[in-house]
Amino acid sequence: MNKLKHFFTKTLGLSDTLFELFMYVVMGVMTTIINIVVFYLIEGVLQLNYIFANVVAWIFSVLFAYISNKKYVFAHEDNQKTINVKEMMSFFSFRLLSLGIDTVVLFVLVKWLHQQPMIAKIISNVVVLIANYVFSKFIIFKKPSN
C-alpha cells in the first residue's frame, strides 16, 4: 500500500486527499460490484424478493467495505492489536443508515416510478456511495486533531 501511495503522491504529484479519494472510489467500485452481484444472484437468479436481496447484498458489501476502508482508504490504524469496537460500531451504524437510504431509494424507484429493480439498484448505489464517503471521511475514520 505504501508503494502505491508513494507512486501516486510522489511520482504523479497527487495530494494525500486526492489519493484517499481515488482509493475510496476504487474500493467503492469493488464494494458496489459485490453488492450488485449478490443482489442479482438473489433477486435475478433465485427470484427472491428485491428487498430481501438488498439486505443480504448489504451484509456482504458492508463487511468488505469496513475492511477495505479501514485498511486501504483511510489507513486508519490504532496502536491496539484488537478490533476498535467503537469504530466498528460507528461504521456499521452509519452503514445501517445507508441501508435505509438504499432501501427507500430502491422502493421509490421500483414501486412508485416503475423502474426495473436492477436499474433502481444501480441508481441507489450512487446515492449510497456519496453518503458513505461523507460518513466515513468526516465521522467514522476522522483523523484526530493535533
Protein backbone atom coordinates (compact mmCIF):
# COMPACT_ATOMS: atom_id res chain seq x y z
CA MET A 1 0.00 0.00 0.00
CA ASN A 2 2.82 2.39 0.81
CA LYS A 3 4.38 1.84 -2.62
CA LEU A 4 1.08 2.61 -4.32
CA LYS A 5 0.60 5.75 -2.24
CA HIS A 6 4.18 6.81 -2.92
CA PHE A 7 3.66 6.34 -6.66
CA PHE A 8 0.52 8.46 -6.74
CA THR A 9 1.65 11.18 -4.34
CA LYS A 10 5.34 11.49 -5.15
CA THR A 11 5.60 10.34 -8.76
CA LEU A 12 2.29 11.67 -10.07
CA GLY A 13 2.05 14.55 -7.62
CA LEU A 14 -1.40 13.80 -6.20
CA SER A 15 -2.17 15.20 -2.79
CA ASP A 16 -2.89 12.83 0.08
CA THR A 17 -6.55 13.88 -0.11
CA LEU A 18 -6.80 13.05 -3.83
CA PHE A 19 -5.10 9.71 -3.25
CA GLU A 20 -7.58 8.97 -0.46
CA LEU A 21 -10.48 9.91 -2.74
CA PHE A 22 -9.02 7.74 -5.53
CA MET A 23 -8.75 4.76 -3.17
CA TYR A 24 -12.28 5.37 -1.89
CA VAL A 25 -13.58 5.25 -5.46
CA VAL A 26 -11.62 2.04 -6.21
CA MET A 27 -12.82 0.31 -3.05
CA GLY A 28 -16.30 1.76 -3.56
CA VAL A 29 -16.46 0.26 -7.03
CA MET A 30 -15.38 -3.11 -5.64
CA THR A 31 -17.95 -2.84 -2.84
CA THR A 32 -20.63 -1.87 -5.36
CA ILE A 33 -19.75 -4.85 -7.56
CA ILE A 34 -20.12 -7.18 -4.58
CA ASN A 35 -23.42 -5.51 -3.68
CA ILE A 36 -24.85 -5.73 -7.19
CA VAL A 37 -23.65 -9.29 -7.88
CA VAL A 38 -25.14 -10.61 -4.64
CA PHE A 39 -28.36 -8.65 -5.31
CA TYR A 40 -28.53 -10.07 -8.85
CA LEU A 41 -27.95 -13.64 -7.68
CA ILE A 42 -30.70 -13.43 -5.08
CA GLU A 43 -33.25 -11.29 -6.94
CA GLY A 44 -32.48 -12.19 -10.55
CA VAL A 45 -31.37 -15.81 -10.40
CA LEU A 46 -33.16 -17.11 -7.30
CA GLN A 47 -36.19 -14.87 -7.95
CA LEU A 48 -36.48 -13.84 -4.30
CA ASN A 49 -37.90 -10.52 -3.06
CA TYR A 50 -35.81 -7.48 -4.05
CA ILE A 51 -35.89 -6.01 -0.50
CA PHE A 52 -34.59 -9.29 0.95
CA ALA A 53 -31.93 -9.40 -1.78
CA ASN A 54 -30.95 -5.84 -0.92
CA VAL A 55 -30.43 -6.67 2.78
CA VAL A 56 -28.30 -9.75 2.06
CA ALA A 57 -26.26 -7.83 -0.53
CA TRP A 58 -25.78 -5.07 2.05
CA ILE A 59 -24.36 -7.51 4.62
CA PHE A 60 -21.75 -8.85 2.22
CA SER A 61 -20.76 -5.45 0.88
CA VAL A 62 -20.54 -3.79 4.31
CA LEU A 63 -18.18 -6.45 5.62
CA PHE A 64 -15.91 -5.88 2.62
CA ALA A 65 -16.27 -2.09 2.90
CA TYR A 66 -15.26 -1.97 6.57
CA ILE A 67 -12.05 -3.87 5.98
CA SER A 68 -11.12 -2.03 2.77
CA ASN A 69 -11.98 1.43 4.09
CA LYS A 70 -10.09 0.92 7.33
CA LYS A 71 -7.02 -0.62 5.73
CA TYR A 72 -6.70 0.92 2.27
CA VAL A 73 -8.71 4.13 2.07
CA PHE A 74 -8.39 5.95 5.34
CA ALA A 75 -5.34 3.97 6.54
CA HIS A 76 -6.80 4.20 9.99
CA GLU A 77 -4.70 2.26 12.42
CA ASP A 78 -4.81 2.28 16.14
CA ASN A 79 -1.98 1.10 18.31
CA GLN A 80 -4.05 -1.76 19.65
CA LYS A 81 -3.97 -5.18 18.07
CA THR A 82 -7.61 -5.71 18.99
CA ILE A 83 -10.59 -4.53 16.98
CA ASN A 84 -11.64 -0.99 17.76
CA VAL A 85 -15.21 -1.78 18.84
CA LYS A 86 -16.32 1.88 18.95
CA GLU A 87 -15.06 2.48 15.40
CA MET A 88 -16.62 -0.72 14.12
CA MET A 89 -19.98 0.04 15.76
CA SER A 90 -19.88 3.54 14.29
CA PHE A 91 -19.13 2.13 10.84
CA PHE A 92 -21.92 -0.44 10.97
CA SER A 93 -24.38 2.08 12.44
CA PHE A 94 -23.80 4.52 9.61
CA ARG A 95 -23.93 1.71 7.09
CA LEU A 96 -27.26 0.70 8.61
CA LEU A 97 -28.40 4.27 7.96
CA SER A 98 -27.17 3.96 4.38
CA LEU A 99 -29.08 0.65 4.08
CA GLY A 100 -32.17 2.64 4.97
CA ILE A 101 -31.33 5.22 2.31
CA ASP A 102 -30.65 2.42 -0.19
CA THR A 103 -33.91 0.64 0.58
CA VAL A 104 -36.03 3.81 0.40
CA VAL A 105 -34.49 4.86 -2.93
CA LEU A 106 -34.93 1.31 -4.27
CA PHE A 107 -38.55 1.15 -3.08
CA VAL A 108 -39.44 4.55 -4.56
CA LEU A 109 -37.82 3.76 -7.90
CA VAL A 110 -39.40 0.29 -8.21
CA LYS A 111 -42.86 0.78 -6.67
CA TRP A 112 -43.63 4.41 -7.45
CA LEU A 113 -41.58 5.12 -10.56
CA HIS A 114 -41.87 1.59 -12.02
CA GLN A 115 -38.15 1.21 -12.65
CA GLN A 116 -36.60 -2.24 -13.16
CA PRO A 117 -35.08 -3.48 -9.85
CA MET A 118 -31.53 -3.78 -11.27
CA ILE A 119 -31.58 -0.24 -12.73
CA ALA A 120 -33.01 1.07 -9.44
CA LYS A 121 -30.27 -0.75 -7.53
CA ILE A 122 -27.53 0.89 -9.60
CA ILE A 123 -29.06 4.34 -9.08
CA SER A 124 -29.44 3.80 -5.34
CA ASN A 125 -25.81 2.67 -5.13
CA VAL A 126 -24.65 6.04 -6.45
CA VAL A 127 -26.61 7.85 -3.74
CA VAL A 128 -25.27 5.49 -1.07
CA LEU A 129 -21.67 5.79 -2.30
CA ILE A 130 -21.74 9.55 -1.76
CA ALA A 131 -23.41 9.29 1.65
CA ASN A 132 -20.97 6.62 2.83
CA TYR A 133 -17.94 8.69 1.83
CA VAL A 134 -19.20 11.63 3.88
CA PHE A 135 -19.93 9.39 6.88
CA SER A 136 -16.54 7.64 6.69
CA LYS A 137 -14.39 10.69 5.98
CA PHE A 138 -15.87 13.10 8.49
CA ILE A 139 -17.22 10.87 11.25
CA ILE A 140 -16.10 7.23 11.37
CA PHE A 141 -12.43 7.41 10.33
CA LYS A 142 -11.94 11.08 11.16
CA LYS A 143 -8.30 11.78 11.80
CA PRO A 144 -7.65 13.10 15.31
CA SER A 145 -6.91 16.81 15.62
CA ASN A 146 -3.41 17.74 16.70
